[in-house]
Amino acid sequence: MAIDVEAAYRRYGPMVLRRCRTMLRDEQQATDAMQDVFVQLLRHRERLDDRGTSSLLYRMATNVCLNRIRYKRRHPAAPDDDLIAGIAQAPEDAELRYLEAELRSQLDQPAEALTAMEQAAALEPDNAYYKRQLRRFSAELKSAAAPPP
């Protein structure tokens, strides 16, 4: 007896969609794959009998999804898609770069107006750090100037 596709869709559609979602991990791809499964069922409904419909649909969903995964692996996304996505983001990126440059220039202006001594005073350097550096440099200088044994 031929399969009633409409009844199968109502009864097993959610199961097929879950299987496709699990395998493809993309809602749109899963919906398309589910539709493909039922289109195939519609094409071959006369040759198939209504025993084991859920198993048949599960197997068909698995095969359709595997074919989609294989196709995607063999035919990666066209570079044009990546280019279009990059162009779509370009105005936002350009605006961010402009704002970053503007912010940096605003932050650098007060420092540029100060002399080196004023900048150093504003930073309040740690004297202990400079004393350690001076001692280490003096020790290195003495060891370099000392004659070899």
N, C-alpha and C. Protein backbone atom coordinates (compact mmCIF):
# COMPACT_ATOMS: atom_id res chain seq x y z
N MET A 1 0.83 -1.17 0.00
CA MET A 1 0.00 0.00 0.00
C MET A 1 0.88 1.25 0.00
N ALA A 2 0.55 2.25 -0.79
CA ALA A 2 1.34 3.47 -0.94
C ALA A 2 1.30 4.29 0.35
N ILE A 3 2.36 5.06 0.54
CA ILE A 3 2.47 5.89 1.74
C ILE A 3 1.62 7.15 1.58
N ASP A 4 0.90 7.51 2.63
CA ASP A 4 0.16 8.77 2.67
C ASP A 4 1.15 9.84 3.14
N VAL A 5 1.65 10.63 2.20
CA VAL A 5 2.72 11.60 2.48
C VAL A 5 2.24 12.68 3.45
N GLU A 6 1.02 13.14 3.28
CA GLU A 6 0.51 14.20 4.16
C GLU A 6 0.43 13.72 5.61
N ALA A 7 -0.07 12.52 5.82
CA ALA A 7 -0.16 11.96 7.17
C ALA A 7 1.24 11.72 7.74
N ALA A 8 2.16 11.25 6.90
CA ALA A 8 3.53 11.02 7.34
C ALA A 8 4.20 12.34 7.74
N TYR A 9 3.90 13.39 6.97
CA TYR A 9 4.48 14.70 7.27
C TYR A 9 3.99 15.20 8.63
N ARG A 10 2.68 15.08 8.86
CA ARG A 10 2.13 15.53 10.14
C ARG A 10 2.67 14.71 11.31
N ARG A 11 2.77 13.41 11.11
CA ARG A 11 3.16 12.54 12.21
C ARG A 11 4.68 12.51 12.44
N TYR A 12 5.45 12.44 11.35
CA TYR A 12 6.89 12.24 11.49
C TYR A 12 7.73 13.48 11.16
N GLY A 13 7.09 14.56 10.74
CA GLY A 13 7.83 15.78 10.40
C GLY A 13 8.72 16.28 11.53
N PRO A 14 8.21 16.37 12.76
CA PRO A 14 9.06 16.82 13.86
C PRO A 14 10.27 15.91 14.11
N MET A 15 10.07 14.60 13.97
CA MET A 15 11.18 13.66 14.16
C MET A 15 12.26 13.89 13.10
N VAL A 16 11.82 14.06 11.85
CA VAL A 16 12.76 14.27 10.75
C VAL A 16 13.51 15.59 10.97
N LEU A 17 12.79 16.63 11.37
CA LEU A 17 13.43 17.93 11.61
C LEU A 17 14.45 17.84 12.74
N ARG A 18 14.12 17.13 13.81
CA ARG A 18 15.09 16.96 14.91
C ARG A 18 16.35 16.26 14.42
N ARG A 19 16.17 15.22 13.62
CA ARG A 19 17.33 14.50 13.09
C ARG A 19 18.20 15.43 12.24
N CYS A 20 17.56 16.21 11.40
CA CYS A 20 18.30 17.12 10.53
C CYS A 20 19.00 18.21 11.34
N ARG A 21 18.33 18.73 12.36
CA ARG A 21 18.96 19.75 13.23
C ARG A 21 20.19 19.18 13.92
N THR A 22 20.05 17.96 14.41
CA THR A 22 21.16 17.32 15.11
C THR A 22 22.37 17.16 14.20
N MET A 23 22.12 16.75 12.99
CA MET A 23 23.24 16.48 12.08
C MET A 23 23.82 17.75 11.47
N LEU A 24 22.98 18.70 11.10
CA LEU A 24 23.45 19.87 10.36
C LEU A 24 23.79 21.06 11.26
N ARG A 25 23.19 21.12 12.43
CA ARG A 25 23.44 22.21 13.38
C ARG A 25 23.19 23.60 12.78
N ASP A 26 22.20 23.67 11.94
CA ASP A 26 21.82 24.94 11.31
C ASP A 26 20.32 24.85 11.02
N GLU A 27 19.57 25.74 11.61
CA GLU A 27 18.11 25.66 11.52
C GLU A 27 17.63 25.74 10.07
N GLN A 28 18.17 26.66 9.30
CA GLN A 28 17.73 26.82 7.91
C GLN A 28 18.09 25.59 7.07
N GLN A 29 19.31 25.10 7.24
CA GLN A 29 19.73 23.90 6.51
C GLN A 29 18.87 22.69 6.92
N ALA A 30 18.55 22.60 8.20
CA ALA A 30 17.74 21.48 8.69
C ALA A 30 16.34 21.51 8.09
N THR A 31 15.77 22.70 8.02
CA THR A 31 14.42 22.83 7.44
C THR A 31 14.45 22.45 5.96
N ASP A 32 15.47 22.92 5.25
CA ASP A 32 15.59 22.57 3.83
C ASP A 32 15.77 21.07 3.65
N ALA A 33 16.59 20.46 4.49
CA ALA A 33 16.82 19.02 4.40
C ALA A 33 15.54 18.24 4.69
N MET A 34 14.77 18.69 5.67
CA MET A 34 13.51 18.03 5.98
C MET A 34 12.57 18.09 4.77
N GLN A 35 12.51 19.24 4.13
CA GLN A 35 11.66 19.38 2.94
C GLN A 35 12.14 18.43 1.84
N ASP A 36 13.46 18.32 1.68
CA ASP A 36 14.00 17.40 0.67
C ASP A 36 13.59 15.95 0.96
N VAL A 37 13.59 15.58 2.23
CA VAL A 37 13.20 14.22 2.61
C VAL A 37 11.76 13.96 2.17
N PHE A 38 10.87 14.89 2.44
CA PHE A 38 9.47 14.67 2.10
C PHE A 38 9.21 14.81 0.60
N VAL A 39 10.03 15.59 -0.10
CA VAL A 39 9.92 15.64 -1.57
C VAL A 39 10.30 14.28 -2.15
N GLN A 40 11.39 13.69 -1.63
CA GLN A 40 11.77 12.36 -2.10
C GLN A 40 10.68 11.34 -1.79
N LEU A 41 10.10 11.44 -0.61
CA LEU A 41 9.02 10.53 -0.24
C LEU A 41 7.84 10.69 -1.19
N LEU A 42 7.54 11.92 -1.55
CA LEU A 42 6.44 12.19 -2.47
C LEU A 42 6.72 11.60 -3.85
N ARG A 43 7.96 11.73 -4.31
CA ARG A 43 8.33 11.20 -5.63
C ARG A 43 8.22 9.68 -5.69
N HIS A 44 8.59 9.02 -4.61
CA HIS A 44 8.67 7.55 -4.61
C HIS A 44 7.55 6.90 -3.80
N ARG A 45 6.48 7.61 -3.51
CA ARG A 45 5.43 7.08 -2.63
C ARG A 45 4.77 5.83 -3.18
N GLU A 46 4.69 5.69 -4.50
CA GLU A 46 4.04 4.51 -5.08
C GLU A 46 4.89 3.25 -4.90
N ARG A 47 6.19 3.41 -4.91
CA ARG A 47 7.09 2.25 -4.78
C ARG A 47 7.26 1.80 -3.34
N LEU A 48 6.98 2.68 -2.38
CA LEU A 48 7.21 2.39 -0.97
C LEU A 48 5.92 1.94 -0.31
N ASP A 49 6.05 1.03 0.66
CA ASP A 49 4.84 0.67 1.41
C ASP A 49 4.87 1.34 2.78
N ASP A 50 3.75 1.32 3.45
CA ASP A 50 3.60 2.11 4.67
C ASP A 50 4.09 1.39 5.94
N ARG A 51 4.78 0.28 5.80
CA ARG A 51 5.34 -0.40 6.97
C ARG A 51 6.71 0.20 7.28
N GLY A 52 6.96 0.49 8.54
CA GLY A 52 8.26 1.02 8.95
C GLY A 52 8.51 2.44 8.45
N THR A 53 7.48 3.24 8.40
CA THR A 53 7.62 4.60 7.85
C THR A 53 8.60 5.44 8.67
N SER A 54 8.53 5.34 9.99
CA SER A 54 9.44 6.16 10.81
C SER A 54 10.89 5.78 10.57
N SER A 55 11.18 4.49 10.46
CA SER A 55 12.55 4.04 10.19
C SER A 55 13.01 4.51 8.82
N LEU A 56 12.11 4.42 7.85
CA LEU A 56 12.43 4.86 6.50
C LEU A 56 12.75 6.35 6.49
N LEU A 57 11.91 7.15 7.12
CA LEU A 57 12.12 8.60 7.14
C LEU A 57 13.39 8.97 7.91
N TYR A 58 13.67 8.26 8.98
CA TYR A 58 14.89 8.50 9.75
C TYR A 58 16.12 8.23 8.89
N ARG A 59 16.09 7.13 8.16
CA ARG A 59 17.19 6.77 7.26
C ARG A 59 17.33 7.78 6.13
N MET A 60 16.19 8.18 5.57
CA MET A 60 16.23 9.17 4.48
C MET A 60 16.79 10.50 4.99
N ALA A 61 16.37 10.93 6.17
CA ALA A 61 16.87 12.18 6.74
C ALA A 61 18.37 12.10 6.97
N THR A 62 18.82 10.97 7.49
CA THR A 62 20.26 10.79 7.71
C THR A 62 21.02 10.88 6.40
N ASN A 63 20.54 10.21 5.37
CA ASN A 63 21.23 10.22 4.08
C ASN A 63 21.23 11.61 3.44
N VAL A 64 20.10 12.30 3.51
CA VAL A 64 20.03 13.65 2.94
C VAL A 64 21.03 14.57 3.66
N CYS A 65 21.07 14.48 4.98
CA CYS A 65 21.98 15.32 5.75
C CYS A 65 23.44 14.97 5.47
N LEU A 66 23.75 13.69 5.39
CA LEU A 66 25.12 13.29 5.06
C LEU A 66 25.52 13.80 3.68
N ASN A 67 24.61 13.73 2.73
CA ASN A 67 24.91 14.25 1.39
C ASN A 67 25.17 15.75 1.44
N ARG A 68 24.41 16.48 2.23
CA ARG A 68 24.62 17.92 2.36
C ARG A 68 25.97 18.21 3.01
N ILE A 69 26.31 17.46 4.03
CA ILE A 69 27.60 17.65 4.71
C ILE A 69 28.74 17.36 3.75
N ARG A 70 28.64 16.27 3.00
CA ARG A 70 29.68 15.93 2.02
C ARG A 70 29.81 17.02 0.97
N TYR A 71 28.69 17.50 0.48
CA TYR A 71 28.71 18.54 -0.56
C TYR A 71 29.38 19.80 -0.03
N LYS A 72 29.04 20.17 1.20
CA LYS A 72 29.62 21.37 1.79
C LYS A 72 31.13 21.22 1.96
N ARG A 73 31.58 20.01 2.32
CA ARG A 73 33.00 19.77 2.50
C ARG A 73 33.74 19.82 1.16
N ARG A 74 33.12 19.28 0.11
CA ARG A 74 33.76 19.25 -1.21
C ARG A 74 33.66 20.58 -1.94
N HIS A 75 32.63 21.35 -1.64
CA HIS A 75 32.41 22.64 -2.30
C HIS A 75 32.30 23.73 -1.24
N PRO A 76 33.45 24.18 -0.72
CA PRO A 76 33.39 25.20 0.33
C PRO A 76 32.70 26.47 -0.17
N ALA A 77 32.29 27.29 0.77
CA ALA A 77 31.57 28.52 0.42
C ALA A 77 32.37 29.34 -0.58
N ALA A 78 31.68 29.89 -1.52
CA ALA A 78 32.33 30.69 -2.56
C ALA A 78 33.00 31.90 -1.92
N PRO A 79 34.16 32.29 -2.45
CA PRO A 79 34.84 33.45 -1.90
C PRO A 79 33.99 34.71 -2.00
N ASP A 80 33.07 34.74 -2.97
CA ASP A 80 32.21 35.90 -3.11
C ASP A 80 31.35 36.09 -1.87
N ASP A 81 30.91 35.00 -1.26
CA ASP A 81 30.11 35.11 -0.04
C ASP A 81 30.92 35.77 1.07
N ASP A 82 32.18 35.35 1.20
CA ASP A 82 33.04 35.95 2.22
C ASP A 82 33.30 37.42 1.91
N LEU A 83 33.50 37.72 0.65
CA LEU A 83 33.74 39.10 0.24
C LEU A 83 32.54 39.97 0.54
N ILE A 84 31.36 39.47 0.23
CA ILE A 84 30.13 40.23 0.48
C ILE A 84 29.96 40.47 1.98
N ALA A 85 30.23 39.45 2.78
CA ALA A 85 30.12 39.61 4.23
C ALA A 85 31.13 40.64 4.73
N GLY A 86 32.34 40.61 4.19
CA GLY A 86 33.36 41.58 4.57
C GLY A 86 32.98 43.00 4.19
N ILE A 87 32.40 43.15 3.00
CA ILE A 87 31.98 44.47 2.56
C ILE A 87 30.85 44.98 3.43
N ALA A 88 29.95 44.09 3.82
CA ALA A 88 28.83 44.49 4.67
C ALA A 88 29.33 45.00 6.02
N GLN A 89 30.43 44.45 6.51
CA GLN A 89 30.97 44.88 7.79
C GLN A 89 31.93 46.05 7.65
N ALA A 90 32.40 46.34 6.45
CA ALA A 90 33.41 47.36 6.24
C ALA A 90 33.01 48.73 6.77
N PRO A 91 31.78 49.23 6.54
CA PRO A 91 31.46 50.55 7.08
C PRO A 91 31.57 50.61 8.60
N GLU A 92 31.15 49.56 9.27
CA GLU A 92 31.26 49.54 10.73
C GLU A 92 32.72 49.54 11.15
N ASP A 93 33.55 48.73 10.47
CA ASP A 93 34.97 48.67 10.79
C ASP A 93 35.64 50.02 10.54
N ALA A 94 35.30 50.65 9.42
CA ALA A 94 35.89 51.94 9.10
C ALA A 94 35.50 52.98 10.15
N GLU A 95 34.26 52.95 10.58
CA GLU A 95 33.82 53.90 11.60
C GLU A 95 34.55 53.65 12.91
N LEU A 96 34.73 52.37 13.27
CA LEU A 96 35.47 52.05 14.50
C LEU A 96 36.91 52.52 14.42
N ARG A 97 37.55 52.30 13.26
CA ARG A 97 38.94 52.75 13.10
C ARG A 97 39.03 54.27 13.23
N TYR A 98 38.07 54.97 12.64
CA TYR A 98 38.06 56.43 12.72
C TYR A 98 37.90 56.88 14.17
N LEU A 99 36.96 56.27 14.88
CA LEU A 99 36.73 56.65 16.27
C LEU A 99 37.94 56.35 17.15
N GLU A 100 38.61 55.22 16.90
CA GLU A 100 39.81 54.89 17.66
C GLU A 100 40.90 55.92 17.41
N ALA A 101 41.10 56.28 16.14
CA ALA A 101 42.12 57.27 15.80
C ALA A 101 41.80 58.62 16.44
N GLU A 102 40.54 59.00 16.41
CA GLU A 102 40.12 60.27 17.01
C GLU A 102 40.37 60.26 18.52
N LEU A 103 40.03 59.15 19.17
CA LEU A 103 40.24 59.03 20.60
C LEU A 103 41.72 59.11 20.95
N ARG A 104 42.55 58.42 20.18
CA ARG A 104 43.99 58.46 20.43
C ARG A 104 44.55 59.87 20.27
N SER A 105 44.10 60.55 19.23
CA SER A 105 44.61 61.91 19.02
C SER A 105 44.17 62.83 20.15
N GLN A 106 42.96 62.62 20.67
CA GLN A 106 42.49 63.44 21.79
C GLN A 106 43.29 63.14 23.06
N LEU A 107 43.64 61.87 23.25
CA LEU A 107 44.41 61.51 24.43
C LEU A 107 45.85 61.96 24.33
N ASP A 108 46.41 62.00 23.13
CA ASP A 108 47.81 62.37 22.94
C ASP A 108 48.03 63.88 22.98
N GLN A 109 47.03 64.67 22.71
CA GLN A 109 47.21 66.12 22.65
C GLN A 109 47.76 66.72 23.94
N PRO A 110 47.21 66.41 25.11
CA PRO A 110 47.77 67.01 26.32
C PRO A 110 49.22 66.60 26.55
N ALA A 111 49.57 65.36 26.24
CA ALA A 111 50.94 64.91 26.45
C ALA A 111 51.91 65.60 25.51
N GLU A 112 51.48 65.89 24.29
CA GLU A 112 52.36 66.55 23.32
C GLU A 112 52.65 67.99 23.73
N ALA A 113 51.73 68.61 24.45
CA ALA A 113 51.91 70.00 24.86
C ALA A 113 52.90 70.11 26.02
N LEU A 114 53.16 69.02 26.73
CA LEU A 114 54.05 69.05 27.89
C LEU A 114 55.49 68.79 27.47
N THR A 115 56.42 69.34 28.22
CA THR A 115 57.83 69.02 27.99
C THR A 115 58.10 67.64 28.57
N ALA A 116 59.26 67.11 28.28
CA ALA A 116 59.63 65.79 28.79
C ALA A 116 59.65 65.79 30.31
N MET A 117 60.15 66.85 30.91
CA MET A 117 60.21 66.93 32.38
C MET A 117 58.80 66.98 32.98
N GLU A 118 57.90 67.72 32.33
CA GLU A 118 56.52 67.80 32.83
C GLU A 118 55.82 66.45 32.72
N GLN A 119 56.09 65.74 31.61
CA GLN A 119 55.49 64.42 31.45
C GLN A 119 56.02 63.47 32.52
N ALA A 120 57.32 63.52 32.78
CA ALA A 120 57.91 62.65 33.80
C ALA A 120 57.34 62.96 35.17
N ALA A 121 57.16 64.24 35.46
CA ALA A 121 56.59 64.62 36.75
C ALA A 121 55.14 64.15 36.87
N ALA A 122 54.40 64.22 35.76
CA ALA A 122 53.00 63.79 35.78
C ALA A 122 52.89 62.29 36.00
N LEU A 123 53.86 61.54 35.49
CA LEU A 123 53.83 60.08 35.65
C LEU A 123 54.27 59.64 37.04
N GLU A 124 54.94 60.52 37.78
CA GLU A 124 55.44 60.21 39.12
C GLU A 124 56.20 58.89 39.13
N PRO A 125 57.36 58.84 38.49
CA PRO A 125 58.11 57.58 38.43
C PRO A 125 58.56 57.13 39.82
N ASP A 126 58.72 55.85 39.97
CA ASP A 126 59.15 55.24 41.22
C ASP A 126 60.66 55.39 41.32
N ASN A 127 61.14 56.12 42.32
CA ASN A 127 62.58 56.35 42.47
C ASN A 127 63.33 55.06 42.77
N ALA A 128 62.73 54.16 43.50
CA ALA A 128 63.40 52.90 43.83
C ALA A 128 63.72 52.12 42.55
N TYR A 129 62.82 52.17 41.59
CA TYR A 129 63.06 51.47 40.32
C TYR A 129 64.31 52.02 39.64
N TYR A 130 64.41 53.35 39.58
CA TYR A 130 65.55 53.95 38.90
C TYR A 130 66.84 53.70 39.67
N LYS A 131 66.78 53.67 40.99
CA LYS A 131 67.98 53.37 41.78
C LYS A 131 68.46 51.95 41.49
N ARG A 132 67.52 51.00 41.41
CA ARG A 132 67.90 49.61 41.09
C ARG A 132 68.53 49.53 39.71
N GLN A 133 67.92 50.21 38.75
CA GLN A 133 68.45 50.20 37.38
C GLN A 133 69.85 50.79 37.35
N LEU A 134 70.06 51.88 38.10
CA LEU A 134 71.37 52.54 38.13
C LEU A 134 72.41 51.62 38.75
N ARG A 135 72.07 50.94 39.86
CA ARG A 135 73.01 50.00 40.48
C ARG A 135 73.36 48.86 39.54
N ARG A 136 72.35 48.31 38.86
CA ARG A 136 72.60 47.20 37.94
C ARG A 136 73.47 47.66 36.77
N PHE A 137 73.21 48.84 36.26
CA PHE A 137 74.01 49.35 35.15
C PHE A 137 75.45 49.59 35.60
N SER A 138 75.62 50.13 36.81
CA SER A 138 76.98 50.38 37.33
C SER A 138 77.73 49.07 37.50
N ALA A 139 77.05 48.05 38.00
CA ALA A 139 77.70 46.75 38.19
C ALA A 139 78.10 46.15 36.84
N GLU A 140 77.23 46.28 35.85
CA GLU A 140 77.56 45.76 34.51
C GLU A 140 78.73 46.53 33.91
N LEU A 141 78.76 47.82 34.13
CA LEU A 141 79.84 48.65 33.60
C LEU A 141 81.17 48.27 34.24
N LYS A 142 81.17 48.05 35.57
CA LYS A 142 82.39 47.66 36.27
C LYS A 142 82.88 46.30 35.79
N SER A 143 81.96 45.35 35.62
CA SER A 143 82.38 44.01 35.19
C SER A 143 82.89 44.04 33.75
N ALA A 144 82.34 44.92 32.93
CA ALA A 144 82.81 45.02 31.55
C ALA A 144 84.17 45.70 31.49
N ALA A 145 84.43 46.64 32.41
CA ALA A 145 85.70 47.38 32.40
C ALA A 145 86.81 46.60 33.09
N ALA A 146 86.48 45.65 33.92
CA ALA A 146 87.49 44.88 34.65
C ALA A 146 88.27 44.01 33.67
N PRO A 147 89.60 43.93 33.87
CA PRO A 147 90.41 43.08 32.98
C PRO A 147 90.09 41.60 33.21
N PRO A 148 90.16 40.82 32.16
CA PRO A 148 89.90 39.38 32.32
C PRO A 148 90.95 38.73 33.22
N PRO A 149 90.59 37.75 34.00
CA PRO A 149 91.54 37.11 34.93
C PRO A 149 92.62 36.33 34.25
